[in-house]
Amino acid sequence: MGWRPGLPEEYATVLIASRRWDEVVALGKQAESTLIDALFDTDREIQDGAVAALARLGDVGTVRSIRAAMRRGGDLEVKGVYAAMKAASLIEEKGPAPSSRDL
């Protein structure tokens, strides 16, 4: 039968470890905090995948969350900080999501 993740964050962790990025993005906001944590992973491929996934699904709130993670991070590796800054920059380049009145 095997273990099955019960929470979206657990499922996102499994997908990230398996590098199944499209499926992570399909989880949407439920995967956001796990993706932000992945920015600080020691595996460069995980960092790069997290950057790309966050760039696809992130918004202004995501950028705030990334910055908050950097502030509370303490002893962060430079590569993780770079990945976090890159993700925030890519999200900001997209601009704000259209509001319901713009649709």
PDB file of N, CA and C in Angstrom:
ATOM      1  N   MET A   1       0.820  -1.183   0.000  1.00  0.00           N
ATOM      2  CA  MET A   1       0.000   0.000   0.000  1.00  0.00           C
ATOM      3  C   MET A   1       0.870   1.255   0.000  1.00  0.00           C
ATOM      4  N   GLY A   2       1.810   1.406   0.917  1.00  0.00           N
ATOM      5  CA  GLY A   2       2.732   2.529   0.869  1.00  0.00           C
ATOM      6  C   GLY A   2       2.201   3.793   1.515  1.00  0.00           C
ATOM      7  N   TRP A   3       3.130   4.692   1.794  1.00  0.00           N
ATOM      8  CA  TRP A   3       2.798   5.965   2.425  1.00  0.00           C
ATOM      9  C   TRP A   3       2.240   6.924   1.390  1.00  0.00           C
ATOM     10  N   ARG A   4       1.243   7.672   1.795  1.00  0.00           N
ATOM     11  CA  ARG A   4       0.682   8.719   0.937  1.00  0.00           C
ATOM     12  C   ARG A   4       0.690  10.021   1.717  1.00  0.00           C
ATOM     13  N   PRO A   5       1.142  11.086   1.089  1.00  0.00           N
ATOM     14  CA  PRO A   5       1.161  12.365   1.794  1.00  0.00           C
ATOM     15  C   PRO A   5      -0.255  12.826   2.108  1.00  0.00           C
ATOM     16  N   GLY A   6      -0.459  13.296   3.325  1.00  0.00           N
ATOM     17  CA  GLY A   6      -1.787  13.728   3.738  1.00  0.00           C
ATOM     18  C   GLY A   6      -2.038  15.207   3.517  1.00  0.00           C
ATOM     19  N   LEU A   7      -1.025  16.018   3.676  1.00  0.00           N
ATOM     20  CA  LEU A   7      -1.165  17.466   3.544  1.00  0.00           C
ATOM     21  C   LEU A   7      -0.604  17.927   2.202  1.00  0.00           C
ATOM     22  N   PRO A   8      -1.147  19.022   1.670  1.00  0.00           N
ATOM     23  CA  PRO A   8      -0.608  19.537   0.400  1.00  0.00           C
ATOM     24  C   PRO A   8       0.890  19.834   0.479  1.00  0.00           C
ATOM     25  N   GLU A   9       1.346  20.328   1.641  1.00  0.00           N
ATOM     26  CA  GLU A   9       2.769  20.633   1.793  1.00  0.00           C
ATOM     27  C   GLU A   9       3.617  19.363   1.692  1.00  0.00           C
ATOM     28  N   GLU A  10       3.109  18.264   2.267  1.00  0.00           N
ATOM     29  CA  GLU A  10       3.831  16.993   2.173  1.00  0.00           C
ATOM     30  C   GLU A  10       3.878  16.513   0.723  1.00  0.00           C
ATOM     31  N   TYR A  11       2.757  16.647   0.039  1.00  0.00           N
ATOM     32  CA  TYR A  11       2.705  16.233  -1.363  1.00  0.00           C
ATOM     33  C   TYR A  11       3.650  17.096  -2.194  1.00  0.00           C
ATOM     34  N   ALA A  12       3.663  18.400  -1.922  1.00  0.00           N
ATOM     35  CA  ALA A  12       4.566  19.294  -2.642  1.00  0.00           C
ATOM     36  C   ALA A  12       6.017  18.899  -2.405  1.00  0.00           C
ATOM     37  N   THR A  13       6.345  18.511  -1.185  1.00  0.00           N
ATOM     38  CA  THR A  13       7.709  18.079  -0.872  1.00  0.00           C
ATOM     39  C   THR A  13       8.096  16.855  -1.692  1.00  0.00           C
ATOM     40  N   VAL A  14       7.180  15.904  -1.789  1.00  0.00           N
ATOM     41  CA  VAL A  14       7.435  14.695  -2.588  1.00  0.00           C
ATOM     42  C   VAL A  14       7.634  15.064  -4.058  1.00  0.00           C
ATOM     43  N   LEU A  15       6.787  15.936  -4.574  1.00  0.00           N
ATOM     44  CA  LEU A  15       6.892  16.338  -5.979  1.00  0.00           C
ATOM     45  C   LEU A  15       8.187  17.091  -6.253  1.00  0.00           C
ATOM     46  N   ILE A  16       8.568  17.968  -5.328  1.00  0.00           N
ATOM     47  CA  ILE A  16       9.812  18.728  -5.497  1.00  0.00           C
ATOM     48  C   ILE A  16      11.007  17.779  -5.491  1.00  0.00           C
ATOM     49  N   ALA A  17      11.030  16.861  -4.544  1.00  0.00           N
ATOM     50  CA  ALA A  17      12.138  15.899  -4.470  1.00  0.00           C
ATOM     51  C   ALA A  17      12.221  15.050  -5.735  1.00  0.00           C
ATOM     52  N   SER A  18      11.069  14.818  -6.358  1.00  0.00           N
ATOM     53  CA  SER A  18      11.008  14.034  -7.599  1.00  0.00           C
ATOM     54  C   SER A  18      11.190  14.901  -8.837  1.00  0.00           C
ATOM     55  N   ARG A  19      11.323  16.213  -8.620  1.00  0.00           N
ATOM     56  CA  ARG A  19      11.509  17.194  -9.697  1.00  0.00           C
ATOM     57  C   ARG A  19      10.353  17.171 -10.700  1.00  0.00           C
ATOM     58  N   ARG A  20       9.161  17.048 -10.170  1.00  0.00           N
ATOM     59  CA  ARG A  20       7.943  17.032 -10.995  1.00  0.00           C
ATOM     60  C   ARG A  20       7.307  18.425 -10.914  1.00  0.00           C
ATOM     61  N   TRP A  21       7.958  19.370 -11.576  1.00  0.00           N
ATOM     62  CA  TRP A  21       7.647  20.786 -11.408  1.00  0.00           C
ATOM     63  C   TRP A  21       6.261  21.171 -11.899  1.00  0.00           C
ATOM     64  N   ASP A  22       5.798  20.617 -13.006  1.00  0.00           N
ATOM     65  CA  ASP A  22       4.458  20.962 -13.494  1.00  0.00           C
ATOM     66  C   ASP A  22       3.394  20.568 -12.475  1.00  0.00           C
ATOM     67  N   GLU A  23       3.596  19.433 -11.823  1.00  0.00           N
ATOM     68  CA  GLU A  23       2.636  18.991 -10.813  1.00  0.00           C
ATOM     69  C   GLU A  23       2.699  19.871  -9.565  1.00  0.00           C
ATOM     70  N   VAL A  24       3.886  20.351  -9.236  1.00  0.00           N
ATOM     71  CA  VAL A  24       4.021  21.275  -8.103  1.00  0.00           C
ATOM     72  C   VAL A  24       3.256  22.557  -8.409  1.00  0.00           C
ATOM     73  N   VAL A  25       3.454  23.091  -9.603  1.00  0.00           N
ATOM     74  CA  VAL A  25       2.762  24.323 -10.000  1.00  0.00           C
ATOM     75  C   VAL A  25       1.251  24.112  -9.990  1.00  0.00           C
ATOM     76  N   ALA A  26       0.806  22.925 -10.385  1.00  0.00           N
ATOM     77  CA  ALA A  26      -0.633  22.631 -10.402  1.00  0.00           C
ATOM     78  C   ALA A  26      -1.243  22.691  -9.001  1.00  0.00           C
ATOM     79  N   LEU A  27      -0.437  22.495  -7.969  1.00  0.00           N
ATOM     80  CA  LEU A  27      -0.943  22.626  -6.595  1.00  0.00           C
ATOM     81  C   LEU A  27      -1.231  24.081  -6.237  1.00  0.00           C
ATOM     82  N   GLY A  28      -0.659  25.007  -6.992  1.00  0.00           N
ATOM     83  CA  GLY A  28      -0.915  26.426  -6.771  1.00  0.00           C
ATOM     84  C   GLY A  28      -0.384  26.916  -5.435  1.00  0.00           C
ATOM     85  N   LYS A  29      -1.152  27.778  -4.792  1.00  0.00           N
ATOM     86  CA  LYS A  29      -0.744  28.409  -3.536  1.00  0.00           C
ATOM     87  C   LYS A  29      -0.439  27.394  -2.440  1.00  0.00           C
ATOM     88  N   GLN A  30      -1.015  26.206  -2.533  1.00  0.00           N
ATOM     89  CA  GLN A  30      -0.756  25.184  -1.518  1.00  0.00           C
ATOM     90  C   GLN A  30       0.708  24.757  -1.498  1.00  0.00           C
ATOM     91  N   ALA A  31       1.402  24.953  -2.602  1.00  0.00           N
ATOM     92  CA  ALA A  31       2.810  24.559  -2.689  1.00  0.00           C
ATOM     93  C   ALA A  31       3.760  25.715  -2.413  1.00  0.00           C
ATOM     94  N   GLU A  32       3.236  26.919  -2.261  1.00  0.00           N
ATOM     95  CA  GLU A  32       4.083  28.105  -2.190  1.00  0.00           C
ATOM     96  C   GLU A  32       5.115  28.055  -1.060  1.00  0.00           C
ATOM     97  N   SER A  33       4.695  27.772   0.157  1.00  0.00           N
ATOM     98  CA  SER A  33       5.654  27.795   1.272  1.00  0.00           C
ATOM     99  C   SER A  33       6.716  26.710   1.111  1.00  0.00           C
ATOM    100  N   THR A  34       6.332  25.568   0.578  1.00  0.00           N
ATOM    101  CA  THR A  34       7.294  24.490   0.354  1.00  0.00           C
ATOM    102  C   THR A  34       8.286  24.883  -0.739  1.00  0.00           C
ATOM    103  N   LEU A  35       7.808  25.559  -1.770  1.00  0.00           N
ATOM    104  CA  LEU A  35       8.700  26.041  -2.828  1.00  0.00           C
ATOM    105  C   LEU A  35       9.661  27.101  -2.291  1.00  0.00           C
ATOM    106  N   ILE A  36       9.170  27.977  -1.432  1.00  0.00           N
ATOM    107  CA  ILE A  36      10.049  28.996  -0.848  1.00  0.00           C
ATOM    108  C   ILE A  36      11.144  28.323  -0.029  1.00  0.00           C
ATOM    109  N   ASP A  37      10.782  27.314   0.743  1.00  0.00           N
ATOM    110  CA  ASP A  37      11.798  26.558   1.488  1.00  0.00           C
ATOM    111  C   ASP A  37      12.810  25.926   0.533  1.00  0.00           C
ATOM    112  N   ALA A  38      12.340  25.445  -0.616  1.00  0.00           N
ATOM    113  CA  ALA A  38      13.216  24.782  -1.588  1.00  0.00           C
ATOM    114  C   ALA A  38      14.231  25.743  -2.207  1.00  0.00           C
ATOM    115  N   LEU A  39      13.955  27.042  -2.164  1.00  0.00           N
ATOM    116  CA  LEU A  39      14.925  28.014  -2.667  1.00  0.00           C
ATOM    117  C   LEU A  39      16.245  27.919  -1.911  1.00  0.00           C
ATOM    118  N   PHE A  40      16.171  27.470  -0.666  1.00  0.00           N
ATOM    119  CA  PHE A  40      17.351  27.410   0.190  1.00  0.00           C
ATOM    120  C   PHE A  40      17.922  25.995   0.301  1.00  0.00           C
ATOM    121  N   ASP A  41      17.456  25.095  -0.550  1.00  0.00           N
ATOM    122  CA  ASP A  41      17.981  23.729  -0.592  1.00  0.00           C
ATOM    123  C   ASP A  41      19.435  23.766  -1.061  1.00  0.00           C
ATOM    124  N   THR A  42      20.209  22.796  -0.665  1.00  0.00           N
ATOM    125  CA  THR A  42      21.614  22.757  -1.090  1.00  0.00           C
ATOM    126  C   THR A  42      21.791  22.223  -2.508  1.00  0.00           C
ATOM    127  N   ASP A  43      20.753  21.628  -3.071  1.00  0.00           N
ATOM    128  CA  ASP A  43      20.795  21.080  -4.428  1.00  0.00           C
ATOM    129  C   ASP A  43      20.418  22.180  -5.417  1.00  0.00           C
ATOM    130  N   ARG A  44      21.342  22.516  -6.281  1.00  0.00           N
ATOM    131  CA  ARG A  44      21.128  23.607  -7.238  1.00  0.00           C
ATOM    132  C   ARG A  44      19.940  23.330  -8.159  1.00  0.00           C
ATOM    133  N   GLU A  45      19.742  22.083  -8.558  1.00  0.00           N
ATOM    134  CA  GLU A  45      18.625  21.740  -9.435  1.00  0.00           C
ATOM    135  C   GLU A  45      17.285  21.983  -8.732  1.00  0.00           C
ATOM    136  N   ILE A  46      17.230  21.692  -7.446  1.00  0.00           N
ATOM    137  CA  ILE A  46      16.015  21.962  -6.666  1.00  0.00           C
ATOM    138  C   ILE A  46      15.790  23.468  -6.580  1.00  0.00           C
ATOM    139  N   GLN A  47      16.854  24.220  -6.301  1.00  0.00           N
ATOM    140  CA  GLN A  47      16.737  25.681  -6.245  1.00  0.00           C
ATOM    141  C   GLN A  47      16.219  26.243  -7.567  1.00  0.00           C
ATOM    142  N   ASP A  48      16.824  25.813  -8.669  1.00  0.00           N
ATOM    143  CA  ASP A  48      16.425  26.321  -9.985  1.00  0.00           C
ATOM    144  C   ASP A  48      14.978  25.958 -10.308  1.00  0.00           C
ATOM    145  N   GLY A  49      14.579  24.742  -9.980  1.00  0.00           N
ATOM    146  CA  GLY A  49      13.193  24.330 -10.207  1.00  0.00           C
ATOM    147  C   GLY A  49      12.220  25.137  -9.375  1.00  0.00           C
ATOM    148  N   ALA A  50      12.600  25.420  -8.133  1.00  0.00           N
ATOM    149  CA  ALA A  50      11.740  26.223  -7.261  1.00  0.00           C
ATOM    150  C   ALA A  50      11.610  27.645  -7.793  1.00  0.00           C
ATOM    151  N   VAL A  51      12.705  28.205  -8.278  1.00  0.00           N
ATOM    152  CA  VAL A  51      12.666  29.546  -8.876  1.00  0.00           C
ATOM    153  C   VAL A  51      11.684  29.566 -10.043  1.00  0.00           C
ATOM    154  N   ALA A  52      11.816  28.611 -10.949  1.00  0.00           N
ATOM    155  CA  ALA A  52      10.948  28.567 -12.131  1.00  0.00           C
ATOM    156  C   ALA A  52       9.487  28.353 -11.740  1.00  0.00           C
ATOM    157  N   ALA A  53       9.239  27.472 -10.785  1.00  0.00           N
ATOM    158  CA  ALA A  53       7.858  27.207 -10.359  1.00  0.00           C
ATOM    159  C   ALA A  53       7.248  28.434  -9.696  1.00  0.00           C
ATOM    160  N   LEU A  54       8.004  29.089  -8.820  1.00  0.00           N
ATOM    161  CA  LEU A  54       7.485  30.294  -8.167  1.00  0.00           C
ATOM    162  C   LEU A  54       7.254  31.413  -9.174  1.00  0.00           C
ATOM    163  N   ALA A  55       8.108  31.513 -10.178  1.00  0.00           N
ATOM    164  CA  ALA A  55       7.919  32.535 -11.213  1.00  0.00           C
ATOM    165  C   ALA A  55       6.617  32.300 -11.966  1.00  0.00           C
ATOM    166  N   ARG A  56       6.217  31.052 -12.112  1.00  0.00           N
ATOM    167  CA  ARG A  56       4.978  30.729 -12.821  1.00  0.00           C
ATOM    168  C   ARG A  56       3.741  31.004 -11.978  1.00  0.00           C
ATOM    169  N   LEU A  57       3.804  30.745 -10.687  1.00  0.00           N
ATOM    170  CA  LEU A  57       2.575  30.856  -9.894  1.00  0.00           C
ATOM    171  C   LEU A  57       2.581  31.989  -8.886  1.00  0.00           C
ATOM    172  N   GLY A  58       3.702  32.660  -8.720  1.00  0.00           N
ATOM    173  CA  GLY A  58       3.819  33.672  -7.680  1.00  0.00           C
ATOM    174  C   GLY A  58       3.137  34.985  -8.002  1.00  0.00           C
ATOM    175  N   ASP A  59       2.924  35.763  -6.924  1.00  0.00           N
ATOM    176  CA  ASP A  59       2.350  37.098  -7.035  1.00  0.00           C
ATOM    177  C   ASP A  59       3.014  37.991  -5.991  1.00  0.00           C
ATOM    178  N   VAL A  60       2.457  39.173  -5.776  1.00  0.00           N
ATOM    179  CA  VAL A  60       3.044  40.115  -4.827  1.00  0.00           C
ATOM    180  C   VAL A  60       3.154  39.496  -3.435  1.00  0.00           C
ATOM    181  N   GLY A  61       2.162  38.742  -3.031  1.00  0.00           N
ATOM    182  CA  GLY A  61       2.203  38.079  -1.730  1.00  0.00           C
ATOM    183  C   GLY A  61       3.344  37.082  -1.638  1.00  0.00           C
ATOM    184  N   THR A  62       3.640  36.430  -2.739  1.00  0.00           N
ATOM    185  CA  THR A  62       4.748  35.478  -2.780  1.00  0.00           C
ATOM    186  C   THR A  62       6.069  36.198  -2.558  1.00  0.00           C
ATOM    187  N   VAL A  63       6.223  37.354  -3.183  1.00  0.00           N
ATOM    188  CA  VAL A  63       7.448  38.134  -3.018  1.00  0.00           C
ATOM    189  C   VAL A  63       7.613  38.519  -1.554  1.00  0.00           C
ATOM    190  N   ARG A  64       6.532  38.933  -0.904  1.00  0.00           N
ATOM    191  CA  ARG A  64       6.593  39.263   0.527  1.00  0.00           C
ATOM    192  C   ARG A  64       7.035  38.046   1.342  1.00  0.00           C
ATOM    193  N   SER A  65       6.498  36.895   1.008  1.00  0.00           N
ATOM    194  CA  SER A  65       6.849  35.665   1.730  1.00  0.00           C
ATOM    195  C   SER A  65       8.312  35.289   1.519  1.00  0.00           C
ATOM    196  N   ILE A  66       8.809  35.479   0.309  1.00  0.00           N
ATOM    197  CA  ILE A  66      10.220  35.200   0.021  1.00  0.00           C
ATOM    198  C   ILE A  66      11.111  36.124   0.845  1.00  0.00           C
ATOM    199  N   ARG A  67      10.763  37.398   0.868  1.00  0.00           N
ATOM    200  CA  ARG A  67      11.570  38.360   1.634  1.00  0.00           C
ATOM    201  C   ARG A  67      11.524  38.056   3.125  1.00  0.00           C
ATOM    202  N   ALA A  68      10.366  37.651   3.624  1.00  0.00           N
ATOM    203  CA  ALA A  68      10.245  37.288   5.040  1.00  0.00           C
ATOM    204  C   ALA A  68      11.122  36.077   5.355  1.00  0.00           C
ATOM    205  N   ALA A  69      11.154  35.102   4.461  1.00  0.00           N
ATOM    206  CA  ALA A  69      11.993  33.915   4.664  1.00  0.00           C
ATOM    207  C   ALA A  69      13.468  34.300   4.702  1.00  0.00           C
ATOM    208  N   MET A  70      13.849  35.255   3.887  1.00  0.00           N
ATOM    209  CA  MET A  70      15.239  35.702   3.880  1.00  0.00           C
ATOM    210  C   MET A  70      15.579  36.423   5.180  1.00  0.00           C
ATOM    211  N   ARG A  71      14.636  37.217   5.704  1.00  0.00           N
ATOM    212  CA  ARG A  71      14.886  37.955   6.946  1.00  0.00           C
ATOM    213  C   ARG A  71      15.031  37.020   8.142  1.00  0.00           C
ATOM    214  N   ARG A  72      14.223  35.990   8.203  1.00  0.00           N
ATOM    215  CA  ARG A  72      14.269  35.094   9.361  1.00  0.00           C
ATOM    216  C   ARG A  72      15.256  33.948   9.174  1.00  0.00           C
ATOM    217  N   GLY A  73      15.879  33.882   7.999  1.00  0.00           N
ATOM    218  CA  GLY A  73      16.737  32.759   7.655  1.00  0.00           C
ATOM    219  C   GLY A  73      17.997  32.611   8.464  1.00  0.00           C
ATOM    220  N   GLY A  74      18.515  33.686   9.022  1.00  0.00           N
ATOM    221  CA  GLY A  74      19.739  33.568   9.803  1.00  0.00           C
ATOM    222  C   GLY A  74      20.947  33.273   8.937  1.00  0.00           C
ATOM    223  N   ASP A  75      21.480  32.074   9.049  1.00  0.00           N
ATOM    224  CA  ASP A  75      22.709  31.687   8.362  1.00  0.00           C
ATOM    225  C   ASP A  75      22.386  31.029   7.018  1.00  0.00           C
ATOM    226  N   LEU A  76      21.948  31.833   6.058  1.00  0.00           N
ATOM    227  CA  LEU A  76      21.578  31.312   4.746  1.00  0.00           C
ATOM    228  C   LEU A  76      22.794  31.249   3.830  1.00  0.00           C
ATOM    229  N   GLU A  77      22.821  30.223   2.999  1.00  0.00           N
ATOM    230  CA  GLU A  77      23.885  30.132   2.006  1.00  0.00           C
ATOM    231  C   GLU A  77      23.643  31.161   0.908  1.00  0.00           C
ATOM    232  N   VAL A  78      24.720  31.667   0.357  1.00  0.00           N
ATOM    233  CA  VAL A  78      24.634  32.693  -0.683  1.00  0.00           C
ATOM    234  C   VAL A  78      23.804  32.206  -1.865  1.00  0.00           C
ATOM    235  N   LYS A  79      23.969  30.951  -2.262  1.00  0.00           N
ATOM    236  CA  LYS A  79      23.218  30.424  -3.404  1.00  0.00           C
ATOM    237  C   LYS A  79      21.719  30.448  -3.140  1.00  0.00           C
ATOM    238  N   GLY A  80      21.319  30.184  -1.906  1.00  0.00           N
ATOM    239  CA  GLY A  80      19.903  30.226  -1.556  1.00  0.00           C
ATOM    240  C   GLY A  80      19.358  31.641  -1.611  1.00  0.00           C
ATOM    241  N   VAL A  81      20.135  32.582  -1.114  1.00  0.00           N
ATOM    242  CA  VAL A  81      19.717  33.988  -1.164  1.00  0.00           C
ATOM    243  C   VAL A  81      19.605  34.439  -2.617  1.00  0.00           C
ATOM    244  N   TYR A  82      20.570  34.046  -3.440  1.00  0.00           N
ATOM    245  CA  TYR A  82      20.514  34.388  -4.864  1.00  0.00           C
ATOM    246  C   TYR A  82      19.263  33.805  -5.510  1.00  0.00           C
ATOM    247  N   ALA A  83      18.960  32.549  -5.209  1.00  0.00           N
ATOM    248  CA  ALA A  83      17.767  31.912  -5.777  1.00  0.00           C
ATOM    249  C   ALA A  83      16.510  32.645  -5.334  1.00  0.00           C
ATOM    250  N   ALA A  84      16.457  33.040  -4.070  1.00  0.00           N
ATOM    251  CA  ALA A  84      15.290  33.762  -3.555  1.00  0.00           C
ATOM    252  C   ALA A  84      15.143  35.114  -4.247  1.00  0.00           C
ATOM    253  N   MET A  85      16.248  35.825  -4.404  1.00  0.00           N
ATOM    254  CA  MET A  85      16.195  37.127  -5.075  1.00  0.00           C
ATOM    255  C   MET A  85      15.778  36.970  -6.538  1.00  0.00           C
ATOM    256  N   LYS A  86      16.265  35.934  -7.188  1.00  0.00           N
ATOM    257  CA  LYS A  86      15.909  35.685  -8.590  1.00  0.00           C
ATOM    258  C   LYS A  86      14.416  35.395  -8.715  1.00  0.00           C
ATOM    259  N   ALA A  87      13.884  34.560  -7.826  1.00  0.00           N
ATOM    260  CA  ALA A  87      12.452  34.246  -7.865  1.00  0.00           C
ATOM    261  C   ALA A  87      11.626  35.508  -7.661  1.00  0.00           C
ATOM    262  N   ALA A  88      11.992  36.312  -6.667  1.00  0.00           N
ATOM    263  CA  ALA A  88      11.253  37.547  -6.401  1.00  0.00           C
ATOM    264  C   ALA A  88      11.299  38.474  -7.611  1.00  0.00           C
ATOM    265  N   SER A  89      12.455  38.581  -8.236  1.00  0.00           N
ATOM    266  CA  SER A  89      12.611  39.439  -9.405  1.00  0.00           C
ATOM    267  C   SER A  89      11.748  38.968 -10.576  1.00  0.00           C
ATOM    268  N   LEU A  90      11.737  37.669 -10.837  1.00  0.00           N
ATOM    269  CA  LEU A  90      10.928  37.139 -11.941  1.00  0.00           C
ATOM    270  C   LEU A  90       9.436  37.358 -11.700  1.00  0.00           C
ATOM    271  N   ILE A  91       9.012  37.214 -10.460  1.00  0.00           N
ATOM    272  CA  ILE A  91       7.600  37.439 -10.134  1.00  0.00           C
ATOM    273  C   ILE A  91       7.254  38.910 -10.328  1.00  0.00           C
ATOM    274  N   GLU A  92       8.128  39.797  -9.852  1.00  0.00           N
ATOM    275  CA  GLU A  92       7.868  41.233  -9.994  1.00  0.00           C
ATOM    276  C   GLU A  92       7.835  41.656 -11.458  1.00  0.00           C
ATOM    277  N   GLU A  93       8.634  41.023 -12.303  1.00  0.00           N
ATOM    278  CA  GLU A  93       8.638  41.348 -13.733  1.00  0.00           C
ATOM    279  C   GLU A  93       7.297  41.043 -14.394  1.00  0.00           C
ATOM    280  N   LYS A  94       6.593  40.042 -13.864  1.00  0.00           N
ATOM    281  CA  LYS A  94       5.280  39.688 -14.427  1.00  0.00           C
ATOM    282  C   LYS A  94       4.265  40.798 -14.192  1.00  0.00           C
ATOM    283  N   GLY A  95       4.477  41.566 -13.140  1.00  0.00           N
ATOM    284  CA  GLY A  95       3.523  42.601 -12.783  1.00  0.00           C
ATOM    285  C   GLY A  95       2.391  42.027 -11.959  1.00  0.00           C
ATOM    286  N   PRO A  96       1.521  42.900 -11.484  1.00  0.00           N
ATOM    287  CA  PRO A  96       0.423  42.434 -10.636  1.00  0.00           C
ATOM    288  C   PRO A  96      -0.574  41.592 -11.419  1.00  0.00           C
ATOM    289  N   ALA A  97      -1.178  40.656 -10.717  1.00  0.00           N
ATOM    290  CA  ALA A  97      -2.240  39.850 -11.330  1.00  0.00           C
ATOM    291  C   ALA A  97      -3.438  40.746 -11.580  1.00  0.00           C
ATOM    292  N   PRO A  98      -4.189  40.498 -12.651  1.00  0.00           N
ATOM    293  CA  PRO A  98      -5.365  41.327 -12.904  1.00  0.00           C
ATOM    294  C   PRO A  98      -6.388  41.145 -11.792  1.00  0.00           C
ATOM    295  N   SER A  99      -6.978  42.260 -11.382  1.00  0.00           N
ATOM    296  CA  SER A  99      -8.022  42.166 -10.359  1.00  0.00           C
ATOM    297  C   SER A  99      -9.320  41.736 -11.026  1.00  0.00           C
ATOM    298  N   SER A 100     -10.282  41.363 -10.232  1.00  0.00           N
ATOM    299  CA  SER A 100     -11.554  40.885 -10.786  1.00  0.00           C
ATOM    300  C   SER A 100     -12.248  41.972 -11.597  1.00  0.00           C
ATOM    301  N   ARG A 101     -12.011  43.222 -11.258  1.00  0.00           N
ATOM    302  CA  ARG A 101     -12.662  44.300 -12.019  1.00  0.00           C
ATOM    303  C   ARG A 101     -12.000  44.521 -13.379  1.00  0.00           C
ATOM    304  N   ASP A 102     -10.744  44.011 -13.536  1.00  0.00           N
ATOM    305  CA  ASP A 102     -10.054  44.140 -14.815  1.00  0.00           C
ATOM    306  C   ASP A 102     -10.477  43.076 -15.814  1.00  0.00           C
ATOM    307  N   LEU A 103     -11.160  42.037 -15.336  1.00  0.00           N
ATOM    308  CA  LEU A 103     -11.528  40.923 -16.211  1.00  0.00           C
ATOM    309  C   LEU A 103     -12.799  41.181 -16.962  1.00  0.00           C
TER     310      LEU A 103
END
